Every structure is written in structure tokens, then in C-alpha cells.
Amino acid sequence: MPVMDGEEVLAWLRIHAPELPVLVLSGFGERELVRDLEKSEGR
């Protein structure tokens, strides 16, 4: 993404819309990404 990466978008969403469910799509770095998502607040 041109301005923010997915982790930055998720962090922004958790601040501004913590109740919003988020579906993350990715084609690489799955293990590390899933591990980080498990630590994330919200759905």
C-alpha cells in the first residue's frame, strides 16, 4: 500500500474504530503475520 502497510492500518483502525472486525489478506510472511494478529485486540 502506498502510504501505510497493513500493520499500520490495523493499528490505526484499533485506535479509531476498535470494534471494527478486520480481515487481513496477505501473500507472504504468513507465520509472522498470524503471530502478530493473535496479539491484536478486537476481531
All heavy atoms as atom14 arrays in JSON, in Angstrom:
{
  "sequence": "MPVMDGEEVLAWLRIHAPELPVLVLSGFGERELVRDLEKSEGR",
  "atom14_mask": [
    [1, 1, 1, 1, 1, 1, 1, 1, 0, 0, 0, 0, 0, 0],
    [1, 1, 1, 1, 1, 1, 1, 0, 0, 0, 0, 0, 0, 0],
    [1, 1, 1, 1, 1, 1, 1, 0, 0, 0, 0, 0, 0, 0],
    [1, 1, 1, 1, 1, 1, 1, 1, 0, 0, 0, 0, 0, 0],
    [1, 1, 1, 1, 1, 1, 1, 1, 0, 0, 0, 0, 0, 0],
    [1, 1, 1, 1, 0, 0, 0, 0, 0, 0, 0, 0, 0, 0],
    [1, 1, 1, 1, 1, 1, 1, 1, 1, 0, 0, 0, 0, 0],
    [1, 1, 1, 1, 1, 1, 1, 1, 1, 0, 0, 0, 0, 0],
    [1, 1, 1, 1, 1, 1, 1, 0, 0, 0, 0, 0, 0, 0],
    [1, 1, 1, 1, 1, 1, 1, 1, 0, 0, 0, 0, 0, 0],
    [1, 1, 1, 1, 1, 0, 0, 0, 0, 0, 0, 0, 0, 0],
    [1, 1, 1, 1, 1, 1, 1, 1, 1, 1, 1, 1, 1, 1],
    [1, 1, 1, 1, 1, 1, 1, 1, 0, 0, 0, 0, 0, 0],
    [1, 1, 1, 1, 1, 1, 1, 1, 1, 1, 1, 0, 0, 0],
    [1, 1, 1, 1, 1, 1, 1, 1, 0, 0, 0, 0, 0, 0],
    [1, 1, 1, 1, 1, 1, 1, 1, 1, 1, 0, 0, 0, 0],
    [1, 1, 1, 1, 1, 0, 0, 0, 0, 0, 0, 0, 0, 0],
    [1, 1, 1, 1, 1, 1, 1, 0, 0, 0, 0, 0, 0, 0],
    [1, 1, 1, 1, 1, 1, 1, 1, 1, 0, 0, 0, 0, 0],
    [1, 1, 1, 1, 1, 1, 1, 1, 0, 0, 0, 0, 0, 0],
    [1, 1, 1, 1, 1, 1, 1, 0, 0, 0, 0, 0, 0, 0],
    [1, 1, 1, 1, 1, 1, 1, 0, 0, 0, 0, 0, 0, 0],
    [1, 1, 1, 1, 1, 1, 1, 1, 0, 0, 0, 0, 0, 0],
    [1, 1, 1, 1, 1, 1, 1, 0, 0, 0, 0, 0, 0, 0],
    [1, 1, 1, 1, 1, 1, 1, 1, 0, 0, 0, 0, 0, 0],
    [1, 1, 1, 1, 1, 1, 0, 0, 0, 0, 0, 0, 0, 0],
    [1, 1, 1, 1, 0, 0, 0, 0, 0, 0, 0, 0, 0, 0],
    [1, 1, 1, 1, 1, 1, 1, 1, 1, 1, 1, 0, 0, 0],
    [1, 1, 1, 1, 0, 0, 0, 0, 0, 0, 0, 0, 0, 0],
    [1, 1, 1, 1, 1, 1, 1, 1, 1, 0, 0, 0, 0, 0],
    [1, 1, 1, 1, 1, 1, 1, 1, 1, 1, 1, 0, 0, 0],
    [1, 1, 1, 1, 1, 1, 1, 1, 1, 0, 0, 0, 0, 0],
    [1, 1, 1, 1, 1, 1, 1, 1, 0, 0, 0, 0, 0, 0],
    [1, 1, 1, 1, 1, 1, 1, 0, 0, 0, 0, 0, 0, 0],
    [1, 1, 1, 1, 1, 1, 1, 1, 1, 1, 1, 0, 0, 0],
    [1, 1, 1, 1, 1, 1, 1, 1, 0, 0, 0, 0, 0, 0],
    [1, 1, 1, 1, 1, 1, 1, 1, 0, 0, 0, 0, 0, 0],
    [1, 1, 1, 1, 1, 1, 1, 1, 1, 0, 0, 0, 0, 0],
    [1, 1, 1, 1, 1, 1, 1, 1, 1, 0, 0, 0, 0, 0],
    [1, 1, 1, 1, 1, 1, 0, 0, 0, 0, 0, 0, 0, 0],
    [1, 1, 1, 1, 1, 1, 1, 1, 1, 0, 0, 0, 0, 0],
    [1, 1, 1, 1, 0, 0, 0, 0, 0, 0, 0, 0, 0, 0],
    [1, 1, 1, 1, 1, 1, 1, 1, 1, 1, 1, 0, 0, 0]
  ],
  "atom14_positions": [
    [[0.86, -1.17, 0.0], [0.0, 0.0, 0.0], [0.91, 1.23, 0.0], [1.97, 1.21, 0.6], [-0.92, -0.04, 1.21], [-1.85, -1.25, 1.16], [-3.16, -1.34, 2.39], [-2.37, -0.96, 3.89], [0.0, 0.0, 0.0], [0.0, 0.0, 0.0], [0.0, 0.0, 0.0], [0.0, 0.0, 0.0], [0.0, 0.0, 0.0], [0.0, 0.0, 0.0]],
    [[0.48, 2.28, -0.62], [1.36, 3.41, -0.84], [1.74, 4.22, 0.4], [2.84, 4.73, 0.48], [0.61, 4.28, -1.84], [-0.8, 3.83, -1.77], [-0.79, 2.43, -1.29], [0.0, 0.0, 0.0], [0.0, 0.0, 0.0], [0.0, 0.0, 0.0], [0.0, 0.0, 0.0], [0.0, 0.0, 0.0], [0.0, 0.0, 0.0], [0.0, 0.0, 0.0]],
    [[0.86, 4.37, 1.37], [1.14, 5.26, 2.5], [1.43, 4.49, 3.78], [2.37, 4.8, 4.5], [-0.03, 6.24, 2.73], [0.22, 7.12, 3.92], [-0.27, 7.07, 1.48], [0.0, 0.0, 0.0], [0.0, 0.0, 0.0], [0.0, 0.0, 0.0], [0.0, 0.0, 0.0], [0.0, 0.0, 0.0], [0.0, 0.0, 0.0], [0.0, 0.0, 0.0]],
    [[0.62, 3.49, 4.09], [0.79, 2.69, 5.29], [0.82, 1.22, 4.92], [0.16, 0.81, 3.97], [-0.38, 2.91, 6.27], [-0.45, 4.27, 6.89], [-1.69, 4.35, 8.21], [-3.2, 4.52, 7.27], [0.0, 0.0, 0.0], [0.0, 0.0, 0.0], [0.0, 0.0, 0.0], [0.0, 0.0, 0.0], [0.0, 0.0, 0.0], [0.0, 0.0, 0.0]],
    [[1.56, 0.43, 5.7], [1.48, -1.01, 5.48], [0.31, -1.57, 6.29], [-0.35, -0.84, 7.03], [2.81, -1.71, 5.8], [3.19, -1.64, 7.28], [2.31, -1.47, 8.14], [4.39, -1.81, 7.56], [0.0, 0.0, 0.0], [0.0, 0.0, 0.0], [0.0, 0.0, 0.0], [0.0, 0.0, 0.0], [0.0, 0.0, 0.0], [0.0, 0.0, 0.0]],
    [[0.05, -2.85, 6.15], [-1.1, -3.46, 6.8], [-1.07, -3.35, 8.31], [-2.1, -3.14, 8.95], [0.0, 0.0, 0.0], [0.0, 0.0, 0.0], [0.0, 0.0, 0.0], [0.0, 0.0, 0.0], [0.0, 0.0, 0.0], [0.0, 0.0, 0.0], [0.0, 0.0, 0.0], [0.0, 0.0, 0.0], [0.0, 0.0, 0.0], [0.0, 0.0, 0.0]],
    [[0.11, -3.5, 8.91], [0.21, -3.39, 10.36], [-0.14, -1.98, 10.83], [-0.79, -1.8, 11.86], [1.61, -3.76, 10.82], [1.91, -5.24, 10.67], [3.31, -5.57, 11.12], [3.72, -5.11, 12.2], [3.99, -6.3, 10.39], [0.0, 0.0, 0.0], [0.0, 0.0, 0.0], [0.0, 0.0, 0.0], [0.0, 0.0, 0.0], [0.0, 0.0, 0.0]],
    [[0.3, -0.98, 10.09], [-0.02, 0.41, 10.44], [-1.51, 0.69, 10.29], [-2.1, 1.38, 11.12], [0.79, 1.37, 9.58], [2.27, 1.34, 9.86], [3.08, 2.13, 8.85], [2.77, 2.06, 7.64], [4.03, 2.81, 9.28], [0.0, 0.0, 0.0], [0.0, 0.0, 0.0], [0.0, 0.0, 0.0], [0.0, 0.0, 0.0], [0.0, 0.0, 0.0]],
    [[-2.12, 0.13, 9.25], [-3.56, 0.3, 9.06], [-4.32, -0.34, 10.22], [-5.24, 0.25, 10.78], [-4.03, -0.28, 7.71], [-5.55, -0.3, 7.62], [-3.44, 0.5, 6.56], [0.0, 0.0, 0.0], [0.0, 0.0, 0.0], [0.0, 0.0, 0.0], [0.0, 0.0, 0.0], [0.0, 0.0, 0.0], [0.0, 0.0, 0.0], [0.0, 0.0, 0.0]],
    [[-3.93, -1.56, 10.59], [-4.59, -2.23, 11.7], [-4.44, -1.44, 13.0], [-5.41, -1.27, 13.74], [-4.04, -3.65, 11.87], [-4.68, -4.48, 12.97], [-6.19, -4.61, 12.78], [-4.03, -5.85, 13.04], [0.0, 0.0, 0.0], [0.0, 0.0, 0.0], [0.0, 0.0, 0.0], [0.0, 0.0, 0.0], [0.0, 0.0, 0.0], [0.0, 0.0, 0.0]],
    [[-3.25, -0.93, 13.27], [-3.04, -0.11, 14.48], [-3.92, 1.14, 14.44], [-4.53, 1.51, 15.46], [-1.57, 0.27, 14.61], [0.0, 0.0, 0.0], [0.0, 0.0, 0.0], [0.0, 0.0, 0.0], [0.0, 0.0, 0.0], [0.0, 0.0, 0.0], [0.0, 0.0, 0.0], [0.0, 0.0, 0.0], [0.0, 0.0, 0.0], [0.0, 0.0, 0.0]],
    [[-4.01, 1.79, 13.29], [-4.85, 2.98, 13.15], [-6.32, 2.63, 13.39], [-7.03, 3.35, 14.09], [-4.66, 3.59, 11.76], [-5.34, 4.9, 11.58], [-4.8, 6.14, 11.79], [-6.69, 5.11, 11.15], [-5.73, 7.1, 11.53], [-6.91, 6.5, 11.13], [-7.73, 4.28, 10.78], [-8.12, 7.05, 10.76], [-8.94, 4.83, 10.41], [-9.12, 6.2, 10.41]],
    [[-6.76, 1.52, 12.81], [-8.15, 1.09, 13.0], [-8.45, 0.78, 14.45], [-9.54, 1.08, 14.95], [-8.45, -0.13, 12.13], [-8.59, 0.12, 10.64], [-8.67, -1.2, 9.89], [-9.81, 0.98, 10.35], [0.0, 0.0, 0.0], [0.0, 0.0, 0.0], [0.0, 0.0, 0.0], [0.0, 0.0, 0.0], [0.0, 0.0, 0.0], [0.0, 0.0, 0.0]],
    [[-7.51, 0.17, 15.16], [-7.73, -0.16, 16.56], [-7.87, 1.09, 17.41], [-8.59, 1.09, 18.41], [-6.61, -1.05, 17.11], [-6.7, -2.45, 16.57], [-8.0, -3.1, 17.04], [-8.33, -4.29, 16.28], [-9.41, -4.42, 15.53], [-10.25, -3.44, 15.38], [-9.67, -5.53, 14.9], [0.0, 0.0, 0.0], [0.0, 0.0, 0.0], [0.0, 0.0, 0.0]],
    [[-7.23, 2.16, 17.03], [-7.36, 3.44, 17.75], [-8.67, 4.12, 17.41], [-9.39, 4.6, 18.29], [-6.17, 4.37, 17.41], [-4.88, 3.81, 17.99], [-6.43, 5.8, 17.92], [-3.62, 4.49, 17.49], [0.0, 0.0, 0.0], [0.0, 0.0, 0.0], [0.0, 0.0, 0.0], [0.0, 0.0, 0.0], [0.0, 0.0, 0.0], [0.0, 0.0, 0.0]],
    [[-9.02, 4.17, 16.13], [-10.16, 4.96, 15.66], [-11.48, 4.18, 15.56], [-12.55, 4.8, 15.55], [-9.83, 5.61, 14.32], [-8.67, 6.54, 14.43], [-8.76, 7.79, 15.01], [-7.38, 6.41, 14.04], [-7.59, 8.39, 14.99], [-6.72, 7.57, 14.41], [0.0, 0.0, 0.0], [0.0, 0.0, 0.0], [0.0, 0.0, 0.0], [0.0, 0.0, 0.0]],
    [[-11.4, 2.88, 15.45], [-12.62, 2.05, 15.35], [-12.33, 0.68, 15.95], [-12.31, -0.33, 15.25], [-13.05, 1.94, 13.9], [0.0, 0.0, 0.0], [0.0, 0.0, 0.0], [0.0, 0.0, 0.0], [0.0, 0.0, 0.0], [0.0, 0.0, 0.0], [0.0, 0.0, 0.0], [0.0, 0.0, 0.0], [0.0, 0.0, 0.0], [0.0, 0.0, 0.0]],
    [[-12.11, 0.62, 17.27], [-11.67, -0.63, 17.9], [-12.65, -1.8, 17.75], [-12.25, -2.95, 17.81], [-11.47, -0.26, 19.37], [-12.22, 1.0, 19.56], [-12.27, 1.7, 18.23], [0.0, 0.0, 0.0], [0.0, 0.0, 0.0], [0.0, 0.0, 0.0], [0.0, 0.0, 0.0], [0.0, 0.0, 0.0], [0.0, 0.0, 0.0], [0.0, 0.0, 0.0]],
    [[-13.91, -1.49, 17.54], [-14.91, -2.56, 17.43], [-15.03, -3.12, 16.02], [-15.69, -4.13, 15.78], [-16.29, -2.03, 17.87], [-16.92, -1.05, 16.93], [-16.28, 0.35, 16.86], [-15.49, 0.71, 17.74], [-16.57, 1.07, 15.89], [0.0, 0.0, 0.0], [0.0, 0.0, 0.0], [0.0, 0.0, 0.0], [0.0, 0.0, 0.0], [0.0, 0.0, 0.0]],
    [[-14.37, -2.52, 15.05], [-14.46, -2.92, 13.66], [-13.76, -4.26, 13.42], [-12.57, -4.41, 13.7], [-13.82, -1.86, 12.77], [-13.9, -2.09, 11.27], [-15.35, -1.9, 10.8], [-12.99, -1.12, 10.54], [0.0, 0.0, 0.0], [0.0, 0.0, 0.0], [0.0, 0.0, 0.0], [0.0, 0.0, 0.0], [0.0, 0.0, 0.0], [0.0, 0.0, 0.0]],
    [[-14.47, -5.27, 12.91], [-13.81, -6.53, 12.55], [-12.9, -6.3, 11.33], [-13.26, -5.55, 10.42], [-14.96, -7.47, 12.18], [-16.2, -6.82, 12.68], [-15.92, -5.35, 12.73], [0.0, 0.0, 0.0], [0.0, 0.0, 0.0], [0.0, 0.0, 0.0], [0.0, 0.0, 0.0], [0.0, 0.0, 0.0], [0.0, 0.0, 0.0], [0.0, 0.0, 0.0]],
    [[-11.74, -6.93, 11.32], [-10.77, -6.72, 10.25], [-10.34, -8.07, 9.67], [-9.97, -8.98, 10.42], [-9.52, -5.97, 10.78], [-8.47, -5.83, 9.7], [-9.91, -4.61, 11.34], [0.0, 0.0, 0.0], [0.0, 0.0, 0.0], [0.0, 0.0, 0.0], [0.0, 0.0, 0.0], [0.0, 0.0, 0.0], [0.0, 0.0, 0.0], [0.0, 0.0, 0.0]],
    [[-10.42, -8.19, 8.35], [-9.91, -9.36, 7.65], [-8.63, -8.96, 6.93], [-8.65, -8.08, 6.06], [-10.94, -9.89, 6.64], [-10.53, -11.11, 5.83], [-10.2, -12.29, 6.74], [-11.6, -11.46, 4.82], [0.0, 0.0, 0.0], [0.0, 0.0, 0.0], [0.0, 0.0, 0.0], [0.0, 0.0, 0.0], [0.0, 0.0, 0.0], [0.0, 0.0, 0.0]],
    [[-7.54, -9.58, 7.3], [-6.23, -9.27, 6.72], [-5.94, -10.31, 5.64], [-6.04, -11.51, 5.87], [-5.13, -9.31, 7.8], [-3.76, -9.07, 7.19], [-5.42, -8.28, 8.89], [0.0, 0.0, 0.0], [0.0, 0.0, 0.0], [0.0, 0.0, 0.0], [0.0, 0.0, 0.0], [0.0, 0.0, 0.0], [0.0, 0.0, 0.0], [0.0, 0.0, 0.0]],
    [[-5.57, -9.82, 4.46], [-5.21, -10.67, 3.33], [-3.73, -10.47, 3.04], [-3.27, -9.34, 2.98], [-6.0, -10.29, 2.08], [-7.51, -10.13, 2.25], [-8.13, -9.59, 0.98], [-8.15, -11.42, 2.65], [0.0, 0.0, 0.0], [0.0, 0.0, 0.0], [0.0, 0.0, 0.0], [0.0, 0.0, 0.0], [0.0, 0.0, 0.0], [0.0, 0.0, 0.0]],
    [[-2.99, -11.56, 2.87], [-1.57, -11.42, 2.58], [-1.08, -12.63, 1.81], [-1.58, -13.74, 1.99], [-0.77, -11.28, 3.87], [0.61, -11.15, 3.57], [0.0, 0.0, 0.0], [0.0, 0.0, 0.0], [0.0, 0.0, 0.0], [0.0, 0.0, 0.0], [0.0, 0.0, 0.0], [0.0, 0.0, 0.0], [0.0, 0.0, 0.0], [0.0, 0.0, 0.0]],
    [[-0.08, -12.4, 0.99], [0.52, -13.46, 0.2], [1.9, -13.84, 0.68], [2.54, -14.7, 0.1], [0.0, 0.0, 0.0], [0.0, 0.0, 0.0], [0.0, 0.0, 0.0], [0.0, 0.0, 0.0], [0.0, 0.0, 0.0], [0.0, 0.0, 0.0], [0.0, 0.0, 0.0], [0.0, 0.0, 0.0], [0.0, 0.0, 0.0], [0.0, 0.0, 0.0]],
    [[2.38, -13.21, 1.76], [3.71, -13.55, 2.26], [3.82, -13.26, 3.75], [3.0, -12.54, 4.3], [4.8, -12.77, 1.5], [4.65, -11.27, 1.6], [5.3, -10.55, 2.58], [3.85, -10.58, 0.7], [5.16, -9.18, 2.67], [3.7, -9.2, 0.78], [4.36, -8.51, 1.77], [0.0, 0.0, 0.0], [0.0, 0.0, 0.0], [0.0, 0.0, 0.0]],
    [[4.83, -13.84, 4.37], [5.05, -13.61, 5.79], [3.93, -14.11, 6.68], [3.66, -13.52, 7.71], [0.0, 0.0, 0.0], [0.0, 0.0, 0.0], [0.0, 0.0, 0.0], [0.0, 0.0, 0.0], [0.0, 0.0, 0.0], [0.0, 0.0, 0.0], [0.0, 0.0, 0.0], [0.0, 0.0, 0.0], [0.0, 0.0, 0.0], [0.0, 0.0, 0.0]],
    [[3.3, -15.2, 6.26], [2.09, -15.65, 6.96], [2.33, -15.99, 8.42], [1.58, -15.56, 9.28], [1.49, -16.86, 6.24], [0.98, -16.52, 4.87], [0.5, -17.74, 4.12], [0.07, -18.71, 4.76], [0.57, -17.72, 2.89], [0.0, 0.0, 0.0], [0.0, 0.0, 0.0], [0.0, 0.0, 0.0], [0.0, 0.0, 0.0], [0.0, 0.0, 0.0]],
    [[3.36, -16.76, 8.72], [3.57, -17.19, 10.12], [3.78, -16.0, 11.04], [3.17, -15.92, 12.11], [4.76, -18.14, 10.2], [4.47, -19.49, 9.65], [5.62, -20.41, 9.84], [5.32, -21.69, 9.21], [6.2, -22.6, 8.97], [7.46, -22.42, 9.3], [5.86, -23.74, 8.4], [0.0, 0.0, 0.0], [0.0, 0.0, 0.0], [0.0, 0.0, 0.0]],
    [[4.64, -15.11, 10.66], [4.91, -13.93, 11.49], [3.67, -13.05, 11.6], [3.33, -12.57, 12.68], [6.07, -13.13, 10.9], [6.47, -11.95, 11.75], [7.67, -11.23, 11.16], [8.65, -11.89, 10.77], [7.62, -9.99, 11.1], [0.0, 0.0, 0.0], [0.0, 0.0, 0.0], [0.0, 0.0, 0.0], [0.0, 0.0, 0.0], [0.0, 0.0, 0.0]],
    [[2.97, -12.87, 10.5], [1.77, -12.04, 10.49], [0.69, -12.63, 11.38], [0.08, -11.93, 12.18], [1.25, -11.87, 9.07], [-0.01, -11.03, 8.89], [0.2, -9.62, 9.41], [-0.42, -11.0, 7.44], [0.0, 0.0, 0.0], [0.0, 0.0, 0.0], [0.0, 0.0, 0.0], [0.0, 0.0, 0.0], [0.0, 0.0, 0.0], [0.0, 0.0, 0.0]],
    [[0.45, -13.93, 11.28], [-0.57, -14.58, 12.1], [-0.2, -14.45, 13.58], [-1.05, -14.18, 14.42], [-0.76, -16.05, 11.68], [-1.62, -16.8, 12.69], [-1.37, -16.12, 10.29], [0.0, 0.0, 0.0], [0.0, 0.0, 0.0], [0.0, 0.0, 0.0], [0.0, 0.0, 0.0], [0.0, 0.0, 0.0], [0.0, 0.0, 0.0], [0.0, 0.0, 0.0]],
    [[1.05, -14.62, 13.9], [1.51, -14.48, 15.29], [1.23, -13.06, 15.8], [0.74, -12.88, 16.92], [2.99, -14.83, 15.38], [3.52, -14.9, 16.79], [4.97, -15.39, 16.86], [5.8, -14.87, 15.8], [6.45, -15.62, 14.89], [6.35, -16.93, 14.93], [7.19, -15.08, 13.96], [0.0, 0.0, 0.0], [0.0, 0.0, 0.0], [0.0, 0.0, 0.0]],
    [[1.5, -12.07, 14.99], [1.23, -10.68, 15.38], [-0.27, -10.43, 15.51], [-0.69, -9.7, 16.41], [1.83, -9.71, 14.36], [3.35, -9.68, 14.41], [3.93, -10.17, 15.4], [3.95, -9.19, 13.44], [0.0, 0.0, 0.0], [0.0, 0.0, 0.0], [0.0, 0.0, 0.0], [0.0, 0.0, 0.0], [0.0, 0.0, 0.0], [0.0, 0.0, 0.0]],
    [[-1.07, -10.99, 14.62], [-2.51, -10.79, 14.68], [-3.11, -11.41, 15.94], [-4.08, -10.89, 16.49], [-3.19, -11.38, 13.45], [-2.93, -10.65, 12.13], [-3.62, -11.39, 10.99], [-3.4, -9.21, 12.2], [0.0, 0.0, 0.0], [0.0, 0.0, 0.0], [0.0, 0.0, 0.0], [0.0, 0.0, 0.0], [0.0, 0.0, 0.0], [0.0, 0.0, 0.0]],
    [[-2.54, -12.52, 16.4], [-3.05, -13.15, 17.61], [-2.89, -12.24, 18.82], [-3.64, -12.35, 19.78], [-2.33, -14.48, 17.85], [-2.73, -15.55, 16.84], [-1.9, -16.81, 16.96], [-0.88, -16.82, 17.68], [-2.26, -17.8, 16.3], [0.0, 0.0, 0.0], [0.0, 0.0, 0.0], [0.0, 0.0, 0.0], [0.0, 0.0, 0.0], [0.0, 0.0, 0.0]],
    [[-1.95, -11.32, 18.77], [-1.72, -10.37, 19.87], [-2.63, -9.15, 19.75], [-2.76, -8.38, 20.69], [-0.27, -9.89, 19.86], [0.74, -10.98, 20.05], [2.14, -10.43, 19.88], [3.17, -11.52, 19.76], [4.49, -11.0, 19.42], [0.0, 0.0, 0.0], [0.0, 0.0, 0.0], [0.0, 0.0, 0.0], [0.0, 0.0, 0.0], [0.0, 0.0, 0.0]],
    [[-3.26, -8.98, 18.61], [-4.07, -7.8, 18.33], [-5.37, -7.83, 19.12], [-5.97, -8.88, 19.33], [-4.38, -7.72, 16.84], [-5.24, -6.64, 16.58], [0.0, 0.0, 0.0], [0.0, 0.0, 0.0], [0.0, 0.0, 0.0], [0.0, 0.0, 0.0], [0.0, 0.0, 0.0], [0.0, 0.0, 0.0], [0.0, 0.0, 0.0], [0.0, 0.0, 0.0]],
    [[-5.8, -6.67, 19.54], [-7.09, -6.53, 20.21], [-8.19, -6.56, 19.15], [-7.98, -6.21, 18.0], [-7.15, -5.19, 20.94], [-6.14, -5.04, 22.04], [-6.47, -5.86, 23.27], [-7.66, -6.0, 23.58], [-5.53, -6.37, 23.89], [0.0, 0.0, 0.0], [0.0, 0.0, 0.0], [0.0, 0.0, 0.0], [0.0, 0.0, 0.0], [0.0, 0.0, 0.0]],
    [[-9.38, -6.95, 19.55], [-10.52, -6.92, 18.64], [-10.59, -8.13, 17.74], [-9.8, -9.06, 17.83], [0.0, 0.0, 0.0], [0.0, 0.0, 0.0], [0.0, 0.0, 0.0], [0.0, 0.0, 0.0], [0.0, 0.0, 0.0], [0.0, 0.0, 0.0], [0.0, 0.0, 0.0], [0.0, 0.0, 0.0], [0.0, 0.0, 0.0], [0.0, 0.0, 0.0]],
    [[-11.58, -8.1, 16.88], [-11.83, -9.23, 15.97], [-10.98, -9.07, 14.72], [-11.2, -8.17, 13.93], [-13.3, -9.3, 15.64], [-14.11, -9.59, 16.91], [-15.49, -9.96, 16.65], [-15.52, -11.27, 15.99], [-16.63, -11.89, 15.68], [-17.78, -11.34, 15.94], [-16.61, -13.06, 15.09], [0.0, 0.0, 0.0], [0.0, 0.0, 0.0], [0.0, 0.0, 0.0]]
  ]
}
